[in-house]
């Protein structure tokens, strides 16, 4: 039976479980929990969700609090869940039925932030990106999920070498009231490919379409 893997957060703890209906599962857990329970992320349906759940639980065993709850950063748990799913999931449903989106489709849904001193603040894009992901049945993401991925760390290292600059010229924290993270154009494009699922996405093309849509 196909199920999804989910990541919930409550009271500083993270729960990793499986369910056919994540929304109903969240309601049930909230009813039995005195603290607010928040849905952080969920996978696509697959045939071996319970096996993947066990793999994730074993990976997080050092952080176990009780039951399926772990005292671990939610971004780390989400990244582990998606990495495990991508590597081991069997019988993923709807993959062939996922609509094929283009740079133009992405430009219609997500506004690229203004460039400031060669950097882009990406946190403000997440709401629009998650709305875009819903169109293809993908779960929500957070900026933190992106930066804990090994592929992202490797990409940052490659960009630093290519540009011959330190990390802070590729990725740094934003100062001011809203904070967040800013990245250079190369890491922004890599982020957008990861977040949108459009592996062929081109930042310059997205910008061009955005300008056309303003006319």
C-alpha atoms as a PDB file:
ATOM      1  CA  UNK A   1       0.000   0.000   0.000  1.00  0.00           C
ATOM      2  CA  UNK A   2       1.376   3.383  -0.978  1.00  0.00           C
ATOM      3  CA  UNK A   3       2.030   5.902   1.775  1.00  0.00           C
ATOM      4  CA  UNK A   4       3.893   9.148   2.314  1.00  0.00           C
ATOM      5  CA  UNK A   5       6.689   9.912   4.756  1.00  0.00           C
ATOM      6  CA  UNK A   6       6.091  13.047   6.797  1.00  0.00           C
ATOM      7  CA  UNK A   7       8.062  15.291   9.137  1.00  0.00           C
ATOM      8  CA  UNK A   8       6.154  17.061  11.933  1.00  0.00           C
ATOM      9  CA  UNK A   9       7.547  19.434  14.549  1.00  0.00           C
ATOM     10  CA  UNK A  10       6.236  20.204  18.033  1.00  0.00           C
ATOM     11  CA  UNK A  11       7.760  21.552  21.213  1.00  0.00           C
ATOM     12  CA  UNK A  12      11.282  21.515  19.794  1.00  0.00           C
ATOM     13  CA  UNK A  13      11.026  17.848  18.764  1.00  0.00           C
ATOM     14  CA  UNK A  14      10.637  16.332  15.299  1.00  0.00           C
ATOM     15  CA  UNK A  15       8.447  13.353  14.372  1.00  0.00           C
ATOM     16  CA  UNK A  16       9.094  11.185  11.316  1.00  0.00           C
ATOM     17  CA  UNK A  17       6.290   8.827  10.360  1.00  0.00           C
ATOM     18  CA  UNK A  18       4.245   7.446   7.467  1.00  0.00           C
ATOM     19  CA  UNK A  19       0.599   7.838   6.508  1.00  0.00           C
ATOM     20  CA  UNK A  20      -1.858   7.501   3.623  1.00  0.00           C
ATOM     21  CA  UNK A  21      -3.368  10.847   4.609  1.00  0.00           C
ATOM     22  CA  UNK A  22      -0.858  13.242   6.155  1.00  0.00           C
ATOM     23  CA  UNK A  23      -3.449  15.935   6.826  1.00  0.00           C
ATOM     24  CA  UNK A  24      -5.637  13.576   8.863  1.00  0.00           C
ATOM     25  CA  UNK A  25      -2.590  12.202  10.652  1.00  0.00           C
ATOM     26  CA  UNK A  26      -1.596  15.731  11.659  1.00  0.00           C
ATOM     27  CA  UNK A  27      -5.082  16.380  13.065  1.00  0.00           C
ATOM     28  CA  UNK A  28      -4.992  13.151  15.071  1.00  0.00           C
ATOM     29  CA  UNK A  29      -1.586  13.897  16.577  1.00  0.00           C
ATOM     30  CA  UNK A  30      -2.591  17.487  17.327  1.00  0.00           C
ATOM     31  CA  UNK A  31      -5.658  16.283  19.210  1.00  0.00           C
ATOM     32  CA  UNK A  32      -3.475  14.156  21.492  1.00  0.00           C
ATOM     33  CA  UNK A  33      -0.732  16.772  21.895  1.00  0.00           C
ATOM     34  CA  UNK A  34      -0.791  19.770  24.223  1.00  0.00           C
ATOM     35  CA  UNK A  35       1.667  21.694  22.055  1.00  0.00           C
ATOM     36  CA  UNK A  36       1.046  22.963  18.541  1.00  0.00           C
ATOM     37  CA  UNK A  37       2.059  20.384  15.930  1.00  0.00           C
ATOM     38  CA  UNK A  38       3.351  21.734  12.627  1.00  0.00           C
ATOM     39  CA  UNK A  39       3.697  19.851   9.340  1.00  0.00           C
ATOM     40  CA  UNK A  40       7.193  20.578   8.035  1.00  0.00           C
ATOM     41  CA  UNK A  41       7.432  18.389   4.923  1.00  0.00           C
ATOM     42  CA  UNK A  42       6.085  15.272   3.232  1.00  0.00           C
ATOM     43  CA  UNK A  43       7.288  12.994   0.450  1.00  0.00           C
ATOM     44  CA  UNK A  44       5.491  11.657  -2.598  1.00  0.00           C
ATOM     45  CA  UNK A  45       3.616   8.350  -2.246  1.00  0.00           C
ATOM     46  CA  UNK A  46       5.750   5.219  -2.505  1.00  0.00           C
ATOM     47  CA  UNK A  47       5.334   1.473  -1.927  1.00  0.00           C
ATOM     48  CA  UNK A  48       8.062   1.057   0.718  1.00  0.00           C
ATOM     49  CA  UNK A  49       7.430   4.038   2.978  1.00  0.00           C
ATOM     50  CA  UNK A  50       7.659   1.947   6.162  1.00  0.00           C
ATOM     51  CA  UNK A  51      11.098   0.653   5.170  1.00  0.00           C
ATOM     52  CA  UNK A  52      12.321   4.180   4.462  1.00  0.00           C
ATOM     53  CA  UNK A  53      10.883   5.313   7.780  1.00  0.00           C
ATOM     54  CA  UNK A  54      12.927   2.610   9.544  1.00  0.00           C
ATOM     55  CA  UNK A  55      16.099   3.697   7.726  1.00  0.00           C
ATOM     56  CA  UNK A  56      15.526   7.315   8.801  1.00  0.00           C
ATOM     57  CA  UNK A  57      14.769   6.314  12.396  1.00  0.00           C
ATOM     58  CA  UNK A  58      18.006   4.314  12.557  1.00  0.00           C
ATOM     59  CA  UNK A  59      19.951   7.269  11.147  1.00  0.00           C
ATOM     60  CA  UNK A  60      18.472   9.497  13.855  1.00  0.00           C
ATOM     61  CA  UNK A  61      18.701   6.964  16.697  1.00  0.00           C
ATOM     62  CA  UNK A  62      21.275   9.065  18.576  1.00  0.00           C
ATOM     63  CA  UNK A  63      18.713  11.876  18.765  1.00  0.00           C
ATOM     64  CA  UNK A  64      15.699   9.785  19.805  1.00  0.00           C
ATOM     65  CA  UNK A  65      13.517  11.300  22.518  1.00  0.00           C
ATOM     66  CA  UNK A  66      10.609   8.847  22.595  1.00  0.00           C
ATOM     67  CA  UNK A  67       8.538   6.873  20.093  1.00  0.00           C
ATOM     68  CA  UNK A  68       8.937   8.487  16.673  1.00  0.00           C
ATOM     69  CA  UNK A  69      10.025  11.836  18.149  1.00  0.00           C
ATOM     70  CA  UNK A  70      13.612  13.059  17.853  1.00  0.00           C
ATOM     71  CA  UNK A  71      15.507  15.964  19.366  1.00  0.00           C
ATOM     72  CA  UNK A  72      17.040  17.119  16.095  1.00  0.00           C
ATOM     73  CA  UNK A  73      16.917  20.193  13.866  1.00  0.00           C
ATOM     74  CA  UNK A  74      13.896  20.000  11.539  1.00  0.00           C
ATOM     75  CA  UNK A  75      15.923  21.126   8.497  1.00  0.00           C
ATOM     76  CA  UNK A  76      18.338  18.244   9.027  1.00  0.00           C
ATOM     77  CA  UNK A  77      15.458  15.777   9.432  1.00  0.00           C
ATOM     78  CA  UNK A  78      13.748  17.009   6.261  1.00  0.00           C
ATOM     79  CA  UNK A  79      16.951  16.806   4.224  1.00  0.00           C
ATOM     80  CA  UNK A  80      17.563  13.265   5.523  1.00  0.00           C
ATOM     81  CA  UNK A  81      13.999  12.282   4.646  1.00  0.00           C
ATOM     82  CA  UNK A  82      14.194  13.577   1.067  1.00  0.00           C
ATOM     83  CA  UNK A  83      17.693  12.163   0.498  1.00  0.00           C
ATOM     84  CA  UNK A  84      16.568   8.738   1.755  1.00  0.00           C
ATOM     85  CA  UNK A  85      13.430   8.898  -0.376  1.00  0.00           C
ATOM     86  CA  UNK A  86      15.335   9.857  -3.529  1.00  0.00           C
ATOM     87  CA  UNK A  87      17.846   7.065  -3.001  1.00  0.00           C
ATOM     88  CA  UNK A  88      15.597   4.184  -1.906  1.00  0.00           C
ATOM     89  CA  UNK A  89      11.931   4.822  -2.724  1.00  0.00           C
ATOM     90  CA  UNK A  90      10.181   2.104  -4.737  1.00  0.00           C
ATOM     91  CA  UNK A  91       7.022   2.525  -6.788  1.00  0.00           C
ATOM     92  CA  UNK A  92       6.857   6.307  -6.517  1.00  0.00           C
ATOM     93  CA  UNK A  93       3.389   7.302  -7.661  1.00  0.00           C
ATOM     94  CA  UNK A  94       2.497  10.053 -10.089  1.00  0.00           C
ATOM     95  CA  UNK A  95       6.065  10.589 -11.285  1.00  0.00           C
ATOM     96  CA  UNK A  96       5.072   9.982 -14.881  1.00  0.00           C
ATOM     97  CA  UNK A  97       1.948  12.086 -14.469  1.00  0.00           C
ATOM     98  CA  UNK A  98       3.778  15.113 -13.036  1.00  0.00           C
ATOM     99  CA  UNK A  99       3.262  18.058 -15.387  1.00  0.00           C
ATOM    100  CA  UNK A 100       6.342  19.188 -17.285  1.00  0.00           C
ATOM    101  CA  UNK A 101       7.010  22.783 -16.286  1.00  0.00           C
ATOM    102  CA  UNK A 102       9.219  25.280 -18.073  1.00  0.00           C
ATOM    103  CA  UNK A 103      11.172  28.402 -17.162  1.00  0.00           C
ATOM    104  CA  UNK A 104       8.153  30.397 -18.337  1.00  0.00           C
ATOM    105  CA  UNK A 105       5.795  28.524 -15.987  1.00  0.00           C
ATOM    106  CA  UNK A 106       8.170  29.189 -13.114  1.00  0.00           C
ATOM    107  CA  UNK A 107       8.470  32.885 -13.989  1.00  0.00           C
ATOM    108  CA  UNK A 108       4.682  33.209 -13.892  1.00  0.00           C
ATOM    109  CA  UNK A 109       4.567  31.804 -10.357  1.00  0.00           C
ATOM    110  CA  UNK A 110       7.731  33.000  -8.618  1.00  0.00           C
ATOM    111  CA  UNK A 111       9.181  36.489  -8.464  1.00  0.00           C
ATOM    112  CA  UNK A 112      12.980  36.657  -8.586  1.00  0.00           C
ATOM    113  CA  UNK A 113      14.270  39.059  -5.891  1.00  0.00           C
ATOM    114  CA  UNK A 114      16.155  42.206  -6.791  1.00  0.00           C
ATOM    115  CA  UNK A 115      19.918  41.873  -6.952  1.00  0.00           C
ATOM    116  CA  UNK A 116      21.838  43.913  -4.366  1.00  0.00           C
ATOM    117  CA  UNK A 117      25.609  44.057  -4.489  1.00  0.00           C
ATOM    118  CA  UNK A 118      25.674  40.918  -6.598  1.00  0.00           C
ATOM    119  CA  UNK A 119      23.544  38.899  -4.148  1.00  0.00           C
ATOM    120  CA  UNK A 120      19.910  37.768  -3.948  1.00  0.00           C
ATOM    121  CA  UNK A 121      17.871  37.276  -0.772  1.00  0.00           C
ATOM    122  CA  UNK A 122      16.064  33.962  -1.254  1.00  0.00           C
ATOM    123  CA  UNK A 123      13.868  33.604   1.847  1.00  0.00           C
ATOM    124  CA  UNK A 124      11.086  35.756   0.419  1.00  0.00           C
ATOM    125  CA  UNK A 125      10.660  33.343  -2.499  1.00  0.00           C
ATOM    126  CA  UNK A 126       9.712  30.281  -0.466  1.00  0.00           C
ATOM    127  CA  UNK A 127       5.964  30.931  -0.252  1.00  0.00           C
ATOM    128  CA  UNK A 128       5.651  31.274  -4.047  1.00  0.00           C
ATOM    129  CA  UNK A 129       7.983  28.319  -4.651  1.00  0.00           C
ATOM    130  CA  UNK A 130       5.915  26.057  -2.403  1.00  0.00           C
ATOM    131  CA  UNK A 131       2.746  27.103  -4.229  1.00  0.00           C
ATOM    132  CA  UNK A 132       4.503  26.201  -7.486  1.00  0.00           C
ATOM    133  CA  UNK A 133       5.579  22.823  -6.055  1.00  0.00           C
ATOM    134  CA  UNK A 134       1.972  22.005  -5.130  1.00  0.00           C
ATOM    135  CA  UNK A 135       1.073  22.061  -8.822  1.00  0.00           C
ATOM    136  CA  UNK A 136       3.221  18.977  -9.343  1.00  0.00           C
ATOM    137  CA  UNK A 137       2.199  17.290  -6.091  1.00  0.00           C
ATOM    138  CA  UNK A 138       5.473  18.060  -4.324  1.00  0.00           C
ATOM    139  CA  UNK A 139       5.728  18.780  -0.617  1.00  0.00           C
ATOM    140  CA  UNK A 140       6.713  22.109   0.899  1.00  0.00           C
ATOM    141  CA  UNK A 141      10.362  23.002   1.512  1.00  0.00           C
ATOM    142  CA  UNK A 142      12.321  25.450   3.622  1.00  0.00           C
ATOM    143  CA  UNK A 143      15.495  27.345   2.794  1.00  0.00           C
ATOM    144  CA  UNK A 144      17.322  25.404   5.470  1.00  0.00           C
ATOM    145  CA  UNK A 145      16.598  22.124   3.641  1.00  0.00           C
ATOM    146  CA  UNK A 146      18.686  23.356   0.741  1.00  0.00           C
ATOM    147  CA  UNK A 147      21.785  24.254   2.726  1.00  0.00           C
ATOM    148  CA  UNK A 148      22.074  20.979   4.654  1.00  0.00           C
ATOM    149  CA  UNK A 149      22.228  18.951   1.419  1.00  0.00           C
ATOM    150  CA  UNK A 150      25.654  17.532   0.560  1.00  0.00           C
ATOM    151  CA  UNK A 151      25.094  18.475  -3.098  1.00  0.00           C
ATOM    152  CA  UNK A 152      24.593  22.107  -2.087  1.00  0.00           C
ATOM    153  CA  UNK A 153      27.761  22.112   0.000  1.00  0.00           C
ATOM    154  CA  UNK A 154      29.678  20.658  -2.944  1.00  0.00           C
ATOM    155  CA  UNK A 155      28.184  23.231  -5.312  1.00  0.00           C
ATOM    156  CA  UNK A 156      29.161  26.095  -2.989  1.00  0.00           C
ATOM    157  CA  UNK A 157      32.718  24.756  -2.927  1.00  0.00           C
ATOM    158  CA  UNK A 158      32.774  24.535  -6.741  1.00  0.00           C
ATOM    159  CA  UNK A 159      31.508  28.097  -7.116  1.00  0.00           C
ATOM    160  CA  UNK A 160      34.103  29.389  -4.656  1.00  0.00           C
ATOM    161  CA  UNK A 161      36.863  27.697  -6.640  1.00  0.00           C
ATOM    162  CA  UNK A 162      35.458  28.861  -9.985  1.00  0.00           C
ATOM    163  CA  UNK A 163      35.118  32.475  -8.851  1.00  0.00           C
ATOM    164  CA  UNK A 164      38.205  32.345  -6.621  1.00  0.00           C
ATOM    165  CA  UNK A 165      36.272  33.927  -3.743  1.00  0.00           C
ATOM    166  CA  UNK A 166      35.566  33.008  -0.102  1.00  0.00           C
ATOM    167  CA  UNK A 167      32.222  31.462   0.894  1.00  0.00           C
ATOM    168  CA  UNK A 168      30.713  34.763   2.052  1.00  0.00           C
ATOM    169  CA  UNK A 169      30.774  36.004  -1.573  1.00  0.00           C
ATOM    170  CA  UNK A 170      28.611  33.011  -2.558  1.00  0.00           C
ATOM    171  CA  UNK A 171      26.378  32.628   0.512  1.00  0.00           C
ATOM    172  CA  UNK A 172      25.968  34.841   3.563  1.00  0.00           C
ATOM    173  CA  UNK A 173      23.429  35.879   6.177  1.00  0.00           C
ATOM    174  CA  UNK A 174      21.297  38.964   5.626  1.00  0.00           C
ATOM    175  CA  UNK A 175      21.475  41.745   8.175  1.00  0.00           C
ATOM    176  CA  UNK A 176      18.532  43.854   9.227  1.00  0.00           C
ATOM    177  CA  UNK A 177      14.978  43.362  10.441  1.00  0.00           C
ATOM    178  CA  UNK A 178      14.036  40.329   8.336  1.00  0.00           C
ATOM    179  CA  UNK A 179      17.338  38.460   8.182  1.00  0.00           C
ATOM    180  CA  UNK A 180      17.542  35.392   5.977  1.00  0.00           C
ATOM    181  CA  UNK A 181      20.156  34.225   3.504  1.00  0.00           C
ATOM    182  CA  UNK A 182      21.557  35.812   0.360  1.00  0.00           C
ATOM    183  CA  UNK A 183      23.341  34.014  -2.461  1.00  0.00           C
ATOM    184  CA  UNK A 184      25.168  34.883  -5.665  1.00  0.00           C
ATOM    185  CA  UNK A 185      23.592  34.290  -9.089  1.00  0.00           C
ATOM    186  CA  UNK A 186      25.277  30.908  -9.586  1.00  0.00           C
ATOM    187  CA  UNK A 187      24.012  29.486  -6.303  1.00  0.00           C
ATOM    188  CA  UNK A 188      20.610  31.114  -6.915  1.00  0.00           C
ATOM    189  CA  UNK A 189      20.242  29.187 -10.166  1.00  0.00           C
ATOM    190  CA  UNK A 190      21.267  25.956  -8.420  1.00  0.00           C
ATOM    191  CA  UNK A 191      18.743  26.707  -5.646  1.00  0.00           C
ATOM    192  CA  UNK A 192      15.936  27.340  -8.135  1.00  0.00           C
ATOM    193  CA  UNK A 193      16.635  24.065  -9.963  1.00  0.00           C
ATOM    194  CA  UNK A 194      16.534  22.209  -6.645  1.00  0.00           C
ATOM    195  CA  UNK A 195      13.428  23.981  -5.382  1.00  0.00           C
ATOM    196  CA  UNK A 196      11.404  23.882  -8.601  1.00  0.00           C
ATOM    197  CA  UNK A 197      12.351  20.408  -9.797  1.00  0.00           C
ATOM    198  CA  UNK A 198      13.150  21.900 -13.225  1.00  0.00           C
ATOM    199  CA  UNK A 199      16.662  20.585 -13.783  1.00  0.00           C
ATOM    200  CA  UNK A 200      17.048  22.539 -17.034  1.00  0.00           C
ATOM    201  CA  UNK A 201      16.013  25.854 -15.458  1.00  0.00           C
ATOM    202  CA  UNK A 202      18.049  28.859 -16.613  1.00  0.00           C
ATOM    203  CA  UNK A 203      18.072  31.948 -14.388  1.00  0.00           C
ATOM    204  CA  UNK A 204      18.553  34.341 -17.283  1.00  0.00           C
ATOM    205  CA  UNK A 205      15.556  32.818 -19.085  1.00  0.00           C
ATOM    206  CA  UNK A 206      13.384  33.093 -15.972  1.00  0.00           C
ATOM    207  CA  UNK A 207      14.366  36.762 -15.646  1.00  0.00           C
ATOM    208  CA  UNK A 208      13.598  37.379 -19.319  1.00  0.00           C
ATOM    209  CA  UNK A 209      10.173  35.820 -19.032  1.00  0.00           C
ATOM    210  CA  UNK A 210       9.507  37.830 -15.865  1.00  0.00           C
ATOM    211  CA  UNK A 211      10.229  41.057 -17.723  1.00  0.00           C
ATOM    212  CA  UNK A 212       7.969  40.009 -20.579  1.00  0.00           C
ATOM    213  CA  UNK A 213       5.143  39.254 -18.172  1.00  0.00           C
ATOM    214  CA  UNK A 214       5.360  42.761 -16.737  1.00  0.00           C
ATOM    215  CA  UNK A 215       4.550  44.308 -20.132  1.00  0.00           C
END
